[in-house]
Amino acid sequence: MTRKAPALALVLFASLFAYGCAEKGPAEKAGEKIDDAMSEAADKTEEAGEAMKDAAKEAGEKIEEAAEKAKGD
């Protein structure tokens, strides 16, 4: 019986640990919301950077066109 006690305690502890991990507490839920918000902010920042890059490229092309047109006149 003394050999079974540690094994039983281990199984009981593992069961309680697994149950505790299955349920999300308020801190974990808040952390997930923060992670989602940061991920969304990163996506928006990337989109804004791409839009700025595209606008700069378009502006550069228009400047080049205007310079070529000015040379031709």
PDB file of N, CA and C in Angstrom:
ATOM      1  N   MET A   1       0.812  -1.196   0.000  1.00  0.00           N
ATOM      2  CA  MET A   1       0.000   0.000   0.000  1.00  0.00           C
ATOM      3  C   MET A   1       0.855   1.259   0.000  1.00  0.00           C
ATOM      4  N   THR A   2       1.991   1.226   0.623  1.00  0.00           N
ATOM      5  CA  THR A   2       2.841   2.401   0.673  1.00  0.00           C
ATOM      6  C   THR A   2       3.426   2.720  -0.687  1.00  0.00           C
ATOM      7  N   ARG A   3       3.547   1.731  -1.550  1.00  0.00           N
ATOM      8  CA  ARG A   3       4.079   1.985  -2.895  1.00  0.00           C
ATOM      9  C   ARG A   3       3.019   2.629  -3.785  1.00  0.00           C
ATOM     10  N   LYS A   4       1.771   2.341  -3.522  1.00  0.00           N
ATOM     11  CA  LYS A   4       0.693   2.872  -4.347  1.00  0.00           C
ATOM     12  C   LYS A   4       0.372   4.316  -3.991  1.00  0.00           C
ATOM     13  N   ALA A   5       0.655   4.738  -2.786  1.00  0.00           N
ATOM     14  CA  ALA A   5       0.312   6.094  -2.343  1.00  0.00           C
ATOM     15  C   ALA A   5       1.003   7.170  -3.193  1.00  0.00           C
ATOM     16  N   PRO A   6       2.305   7.091  -3.430  1.00  0.00           N
ATOM     17  CA  PRO A   6       2.940   8.121  -4.266  1.00  0.00           C
ATOM     18  C   PRO A   6       2.399   8.121  -5.703  1.00  0.00           C
ATOM     19  N   ALA A   7       2.146   6.935  -6.236  1.00  0.00           N
ATOM     20  CA  ALA A   7       1.623   6.867  -7.594  1.00  0.00           C
ATOM     21  C   ALA A   7       0.227   7.458  -7.651  1.00  0.00           C
ATOM     22  N   LEU A   8      -0.587   7.163  -6.653  1.00  0.00           N
ATOM     23  CA  LEU A   8      -1.937   7.711  -6.599  1.00  0.00           C
ATOM     24  C   LEU A   8      -1.892   9.226  -6.445  1.00  0.00           C
ATOM     25  N   ALA A   9      -0.994   9.703  -5.612  1.00  0.00           N
ATOM     26  CA  ALA A   9      -0.846  11.147  -5.420  1.00  0.00           C
ATOM     27  C   ALA A   9      -0.404  11.814  -6.717  1.00  0.00           C
ATOM     28  N   LEU A  10       0.484  11.180  -7.433  1.00  0.00           N
ATOM     29  CA  LEU A  10       0.955  11.724  -8.704  1.00  0.00           C
ATOM     30  C   LEU A  10      -0.180  11.800  -9.722  1.00  0.00           C
ATOM     31  N   VAL A  11      -0.982  10.740  -9.806  1.00  0.00           N
ATOM     32  CA  VAL A  11      -2.111  10.719 -10.732  1.00  0.00           C
ATOM     33  C   VAL A  11      -3.121  11.787 -10.349  1.00  0.00           C
ATOM     34  N   LEU A  12      -3.399  11.927  -9.054  1.00  0.00           N
ATOM     35  CA  LEU A  12      -4.341  12.941  -8.581  1.00  0.00           C
ATOM     36  C   LEU A  12      -3.826  14.343  -8.901  1.00  0.00           C
ATOM     37  N   PHE A  13      -2.546  14.582  -8.626  1.00  0.00           N
ATOM     38  CA  PHE A  13      -1.948  15.879  -8.922  1.00  0.00           C
ATOM     39  C   PHE A  13      -1.999  16.194 -10.417  1.00  0.00           C
ATOM     40  N   ALA A  14      -1.662  15.213 -11.247  1.00  0.00           N
ATOM     41  CA  ALA A  14      -1.683  15.409 -12.695  1.00  0.00           C
ATOM     42  C   ALA A  14      -3.096  15.706 -13.177  1.00  0.00           C
ATOM     43  N   SER A  15      -4.085  15.049 -12.607  1.00  0.00           N
ATOM     44  CA  SER A  15      -5.475  15.285 -12.993  1.00  0.00           C
ATOM     45  C   SER A  15      -5.903  16.701 -12.634  1.00  0.00           C
ATOM     46  N   LEU A  16      -5.563  17.118 -11.418  1.00  0.00           N
ATOM     47  CA  LEU A  16      -5.921  18.477 -10.999  1.00  0.00           C
ATOM     48  C   LEU A  16      -5.177  19.521 -11.824  1.00  0.00           C
ATOM     49  N   PHE A  17      -3.923  19.239 -12.124  1.00  0.00           N
ATOM     50  CA  PHE A  17      -3.136  20.160 -12.939  1.00  0.00           C
ATOM     51  C   PHE A  17      -3.735  20.301 -14.335  1.00  0.00           C
ATOM     52  N   ALA A  18      -4.114  19.182 -14.924  1.00  0.00           N
ATOM     53  CA  ALA A  18      -4.719  19.211 -16.260  1.00  0.00           C
ATOM     54  C   ALA A  18      -6.052  19.953 -16.235  1.00  0.00           C
ATOM     55  N   TYR A  19      -6.821  19.749 -15.195  1.00  0.00           N
ATOM     56  CA  TYR A  19      -8.100  20.447 -15.078  1.00  0.00           C
ATOM     57  C   TYR A  19      -7.868  21.944 -14.933  1.00  0.00           C
ATOM     58  N   GLY A  20      -6.887  22.323 -14.143  1.00  0.00           N
ATOM     59  CA  GLY A  20      -6.576  23.746 -13.942  1.00  0.00           C
ATOM     60  C   GLY A  20      -6.100  24.407 -15.222  1.00  0.00           C
ATOM     61  N   CYS A  21      -5.409  23.669 -16.049  1.00  0.00           N
ATOM     62  CA  CYS A  21      -4.916  24.225 -17.307  1.00  0.00           C
ATOM     63  C   CYS A  21      -6.032  24.373 -18.330  1.00  0.00           C
ATOM     64  N   ALA A  22      -7.074  23.571 -18.205  1.00  0.00           N
ATOM     65  CA  ALA A  22      -8.166  23.625 -19.173  1.00  0.00           C
ATOM     66  C   ALA A  22      -9.001  24.878 -18.989  1.00  0.00           C
ATOM     67  N   GLU A  23      -9.119  25.354 -17.782  1.00  0.00           N
ATOM     68  CA  GLU A  23      -9.934  26.533 -17.501  1.00  0.00           C
ATOM     69  C   GLU A  23      -9.056  27.778 -17.561  1.00  0.00           C
ATOM     70  N   LYS A  24      -9.512  28.764 -18.313  1.00  0.00           N
ATOM     71  CA  LYS A  24      -8.762  30.015 -18.434  1.00  0.00           C
ATOM     72  C   LYS A  24      -9.249  30.995 -17.376  1.00  0.00           C
ATOM     73  N   GLY A  25      -8.312  31.557 -16.673  1.00  0.00           N
ATOM     74  CA  GLY A  25      -8.640  32.555 -15.665  1.00  0.00           C
ATOM     75  C   GLY A  25      -8.716  33.937 -16.284  1.00  0.00           C
ATOM     76  N   PRO A  26      -9.097  34.924 -15.491  1.00  0.00           N
ATOM     77  CA  PRO A  26      -9.224  36.285 -16.011  1.00  0.00           C
ATOM     78  C   PRO A  26      -7.904  36.860 -16.530  1.00  0.00           C
ATOM     79  N   ALA A  27      -6.803  36.509 -15.884  1.00  0.00           N
ATOM     80  CA  ALA A  27      -5.504  37.021 -16.341  1.00  0.00           C
ATOM     81  C   ALA A  27      -5.149  36.438 -17.701  1.00  0.00           C
ATOM     82  N   GLU A  28      -5.407  35.157 -17.892  1.00  0.00           N
ATOM     83  CA  GLU A  28      -5.103  34.533 -19.180  1.00  0.00           C
ATOM     84  C   GLU A  28      -6.003  35.089 -20.282  1.00  0.00           C
ATOM     85  N   LYS A  29      -7.269  35.308 -19.961  1.00  0.00           N
ATOM     86  CA  LYS A  29      -8.193  35.892 -20.942  1.00  0.00           C
ATOM     87  C   LYS A  29      -7.753  37.310 -21.314  1.00  0.00           C
ATOM     88  N   ALA A  30      -7.341  38.085 -20.309  1.00  0.00           N
ATOM     89  CA  ALA A  30      -6.862  39.446 -20.575  1.00  0.00           C
ATOM     90  C   ALA A  30      -5.592  39.406 -21.417  1.00  0.00           C
ATOM     91  N   GLY A  31      -4.711  38.451 -21.113  1.00  0.00           N
ATOM     92  CA  GLY A  31      -3.477  38.313 -21.891  1.00  0.00           C
ATOM     93  C   GLY A  31      -3.763  37.979 -23.342  1.00  0.00           C
ATOM     94  N   GLU A  32      -4.745  37.126 -23.570  1.00  0.00           N
ATOM     95  CA  GLU A  32      -5.109  36.784 -24.954  1.00  0.00           C
ATOM     96  C   GLU A  32      -5.668  38.001 -25.683  1.00  0.00           C
ATOM     97  N   LYS A  33      -6.459  38.811 -24.977  1.00  0.00           N
ATOM     98  CA  LYS A  33      -7.002  40.031 -25.601  1.00  0.00           C
ATOM     99  C   LYS A  33      -5.873  40.995 -25.960  1.00  0.00           C
ATOM    100  N   ILE A  34      -4.898  41.095 -25.077  1.00  0.00           N
ATOM    101  CA  ILE A  34      -3.750  41.968 -25.349  1.00  0.00           C
ATOM    102  C   ILE A  34      -2.966  41.435 -26.540  1.00  0.00           C
ATOM    103  N   ASP A  35      -2.751  40.128 -26.583  1.00  0.00           N
ATOM    104  CA  ASP A  35      -2.042  39.523 -27.716  1.00  0.00           C
ATOM    105  C   ASP A  35      -2.782  39.788 -29.026  1.00  0.00           C
ATOM    106  N   ASP A  36      -4.104  39.635 -29.011  1.00  0.00           N
ATOM    107  CA  ASP A  36      -4.905  39.885 -30.214  1.00  0.00           C
ATOM    108  C   ASP A  36      -4.804  41.342 -30.644  1.00  0.00           C
ATOM    109  N   ALA A  37      -4.880  42.247 -29.671  1.00  0.00           N
ATOM    110  CA  ALA A  37      -4.799  43.674 -29.982  1.00  0.00           C
ATOM    111  C   ALA A  37      -3.432  44.031 -30.559  1.00  0.00           C
ATOM    112  N   MET A  38      -2.364  43.463 -29.984  1.00  0.00           N
ATOM    113  CA  MET A  38      -1.012  43.743 -30.483  1.00  0.00           C
ATOM    114  C   MET A  38      -0.827  43.184 -31.893  1.00  0.00           C
ATOM    115  N   SER A  39      -1.379  42.012 -32.133  1.00  0.00           N
ATOM    116  CA  SER A  39      -1.282  41.410 -33.462  1.00  0.00           C
ATOM    117  C   SER A  39      -2.029  42.260 -34.487  1.00  0.00           C
ATOM    118  N   GLU A  40      -3.207  42.735 -34.104  1.00  0.00           N
ATOM    119  CA  GLU A  40      -3.985  43.585 -35.008  1.00  0.00           C
ATOM    120  C   GLU A  40      -3.260  44.904 -35.264  1.00  0.00           C
ATOM    121  N   ALA A  41      -2.671  45.475 -34.222  1.00  0.00           N
ATOM    122  CA  ALA A  41      -1.916  46.718 -34.383  1.00  0.00           C
ATOM    123  C   ALA A  41      -0.715  46.512 -35.304  1.00  0.00           C
ATOM    124  N   ALA A  42      -0.047  45.393 -35.174  1.00  0.00           N
ATOM    125  CA  ALA A  42       1.093  45.098 -36.044  1.00  0.00           C
ATOM    126  C   ALA A  42       0.648  44.965 -37.495  1.00  0.00           C
ATOM    127  N   ASP A  43      -0.495  44.314 -37.706  1.00  0.00           N
ATOM    128  CA  ASP A  43      -1.025  44.183 -39.068  1.00  0.00           C
ATOM    129  C   ASP A  43      -1.361  45.546 -39.656  1.00  0.00           C
ATOM    130  N   LYS A  44      -2.002  46.404 -38.856  1.00  0.00           N
ATOM    131  CA  LYS A  44      -2.374  47.751 -39.335  1.00  0.00           C
ATOM    132  C   LYS A  44      -1.126  48.580 -39.625  1.00  0.00           C
ATOM    133  N   THR A  45      -0.109  48.431 -38.796  1.00  0.00           N
ATOM    134  CA  THR A  45       1.135  49.167 -39.017  1.00  0.00           C
ATOM    135  C   THR A  45       1.804  48.713 -40.304  1.00  0.00           C
ATOM    136  N   GLU A  46       1.784  47.420 -40.548  1.00  0.00           N
ATOM    137  CA  GLU A  46       2.360  46.890 -41.777  1.00  0.00           C
ATOM    138  C   GLU A  46       1.591  47.397 -42.993  1.00  0.00           C
ATOM    139  N   GLU A  47       0.263  47.398 -42.896  1.00  0.00           N
ATOM    140  CA  GLU A  47      -0.558  47.897 -44.003  1.00  0.00           C
ATOM    141  C   GLU A  47      -0.278  49.371 -44.262  1.00  0.00           C
ATOM    142  N   ALA A  48      -0.146  50.152 -43.186  1.00  0.00           N
ATOM    143  CA  ALA A  48       0.144  51.583 -43.342  1.00  0.00           C
ATOM    144  C   ALA A  48       1.514  51.789 -43.979  1.00  0.00           C
ATOM    145  N   GLY A  49       2.483  50.987 -43.579  1.00  0.00           N
ATOM    146  CA  GLY A  49       3.821  51.085 -44.169  1.00  0.00           C
ATOM    147  C   GLY A  49       3.805  50.767 -45.652  1.00  0.00           C
ATOM    148  N   GLU A  50       3.051  49.748 -46.044  1.00  0.00           N
ATOM    149  CA  GLU A  50       2.935  49.392 -47.459  1.00  0.00           C
ATOM    150  C   GLU A  50       2.258  50.515 -48.240  1.00  0.00           C
ATOM    151  N   ALA A  51       1.216  51.111 -47.644  1.00  0.00           N
ATOM    152  CA  ALA A  51       0.521  52.208 -48.316  1.00  0.00           C
ATOM    153  C   ALA A  51       1.451  53.410 -48.500  1.00  0.00           C
ATOM    154  N   MET A  52       2.272  53.698 -47.480  1.00  0.00           N
ATOM    155  CA  MET A  52       3.218  54.811 -47.588  1.00  0.00           C
ATOM    156  C   MET A  52       4.265  54.516 -48.651  1.00  0.00           C
ATOM    157  N   LYS A  53       4.725  53.282 -48.706  1.00  0.00           N
ATOM    158  CA  LYS A  53       5.725  52.899 -49.703  1.00  0.00           C
ATOM    159  C   LYS A  53       5.152  53.046 -51.109  1.00  0.00           C
ATOM    160  N   ASP A  54       3.902  52.598 -51.291  1.00  0.00           N
ATOM    161  CA  ASP A  54       3.259  52.717 -52.596  1.00  0.00           C
ATOM    162  C   ASP A  54       3.064  54.183 -52.980  1.00  0.00           C
ATOM    163  N   ALA A  55       2.656  55.016 -52.011  1.00  0.00           N
ATOM    164  CA  ALA A  55       2.447  56.439 -52.285  1.00  0.00           C
ATOM    165  C   ALA A  55       3.769  57.111 -52.638  1.00  0.00           C
ATOM    166  N   ALA A  56       4.844  56.759 -51.942  1.00  0.00           N
ATOM    167  CA  ALA A  56       6.152  57.348 -52.230  1.00  0.00           C
ATOM    168  C   ALA A  56       6.633  56.937 -53.621  1.00  0.00           C
ATOM    169  N   LYS A  57       6.389  55.681 -53.973  1.00  0.00           N
ATOM    170  CA  LYS A  57       6.797  55.204 -55.300  1.00  0.00           C
ATOM    171  C   LYS A  57       6.021  55.951 -56.381  1.00  0.00           C
ATOM    172  N   GLU A  58       4.720  56.106 -56.166  1.00  0.00           N
ATOM    173  CA  GLU A  58       3.895  56.819 -57.149  1.00  0.00           C
ATOM    174  C   GLU A  58       4.321  58.279 -57.265  1.00  0.00           C
ATOM    175  N   ALA A  59       4.621  58.910 -56.137  1.00  0.00           N
ATOM    176  CA  ALA A  59       5.072  60.300 -56.168  1.00  0.00           C
ATOM    177  C   ALA A  59       6.403  60.415 -56.911  1.00  0.00           C
ATOM    178  N   GLY A  60       7.299  59.468 -56.673  1.00  0.00           N
ATOM    179  CA  GLY A  60       8.587  59.482 -57.370  1.00  0.00           C
ATOM    180  C   GLY A  60       8.414  59.333 -58.870  1.00  0.00           C
ATOM    181  N   GLU A  61       7.497  58.461 -59.280  1.00  0.00           N
ATOM    182  CA  GLU A  61       7.237  58.284 -60.712  1.00  0.00           C
ATOM    183  C   GLU A  61       6.678  59.561 -61.331  1.00  0.00           C
ATOM    184  N   LYS A  62       5.801  60.248 -60.618  1.00  0.00           N
ATOM    185  CA  LYS A  62       5.236  61.498 -61.140  1.00  0.00           C
ATOM    186  C   LYS A  62       6.299  62.589 -61.233  1.00  0.00           C
ATOM    187  N   ILE A  63       7.202  62.608 -60.268  1.00  0.00           N
ATOM    188  CA  ILE A  63       8.289  63.585 -60.314  1.00  0.00           C
ATOM    189  C   ILE A  63       9.190  63.306 -61.509  1.00  0.00           C
ATOM    190  N   GLU A  64       9.492  62.029 -61.745  1.00  0.00           N
ATOM    191  CA  GLU A  64      10.315  61.673 -62.892  1.00  0.00           C
ATOM    192  C   GLU A  64       9.616  62.054 -64.203  1.00  0.00           C
ATOM    193  N   GLU A  65       8.324  61.805 -64.284  1.00  0.00           N
ATOM    194  CA  GLU A  65       7.566  62.169 -65.490  1.00  0.00           C
ATOM    195  C   GLU A  65       7.591  63.674 -65.707  1.00  0.00           C
ATOM    196  N   ALA A  66       7.422  64.438 -64.618  1.00  0.00           N
ATOM    197  CA  ALA A  66       7.443  65.894 -64.734  1.00  0.00           C
ATOM    198  C   ALA A  66       8.824  66.391 -65.146  1.00  0.00           C
ATOM    199  N   ALA A  67       9.876  65.755 -64.623  1.00  0.00           N
ATOM    200  CA  ALA A  67      11.236  66.154 -64.987  1.00  0.00           C
ATOM    201  C   ALA A  67      11.511  65.857 -66.453  1.00  0.00           C
ATOM    202  N   GLU A  68      11.066  64.692 -66.939  1.00  0.00           N
ATOM    203  CA  GLU A  68      11.236  64.343 -68.339  1.00  0.00           C
ATOM    204  C   GLU A  68      10.461  65.309 -69.235  1.00  0.00           C
ATOM    205  N   LYS A  69       9.278  65.664 -68.797  1.00  0.00           N
ATOM    206  CA  LYS A  69       8.448  66.588 -69.584  1.00  0.00           C
ATOM    207  C   LYS A  69       9.100  67.973 -69.613  1.00  0.00           C
ATOM    208  N   ALA A  70       9.678  68.395 -68.492  1.00  0.00           N
ATOM    209  CA  ALA A  70      10.340  69.696 -68.429  1.00  0.00           C
ATOM    210  C   ALA A  70      11.583  69.718 -69.310  1.00  0.00           C
ATOM    211  N   LYS A  71      12.292  68.598 -69.401  1.00  0.00           N
ATOM    212  CA  LYS A  71      13.461  68.520 -70.265  1.00  0.00           C
ATOM    213  C   LYS A  71      13.062  68.620 -71.724  1.00  0.00           C
ATOM    214  N   GLY A  72      11.930  68.014 -72.025  1.00  0.00           N
ATOM    215  CA  GLY A  72      11.474  67.979 -73.408  1.00  0.00           C
ATOM    216  C   GLY A  72      10.970  69.329 -73.906  1.00  0.00           C
ATOM    217  N   ASP A  73      10.549  70.179 -73.028  1.00  0.00           N
ATOM    218  CA  ASP A  73      10.001  71.484 -73.446  1.00  0.00           C
ATOM    219  C   ASP A  73      11.035  72.431 -73.856  1.00  0.00           C
TER     220      ASP A  73
END
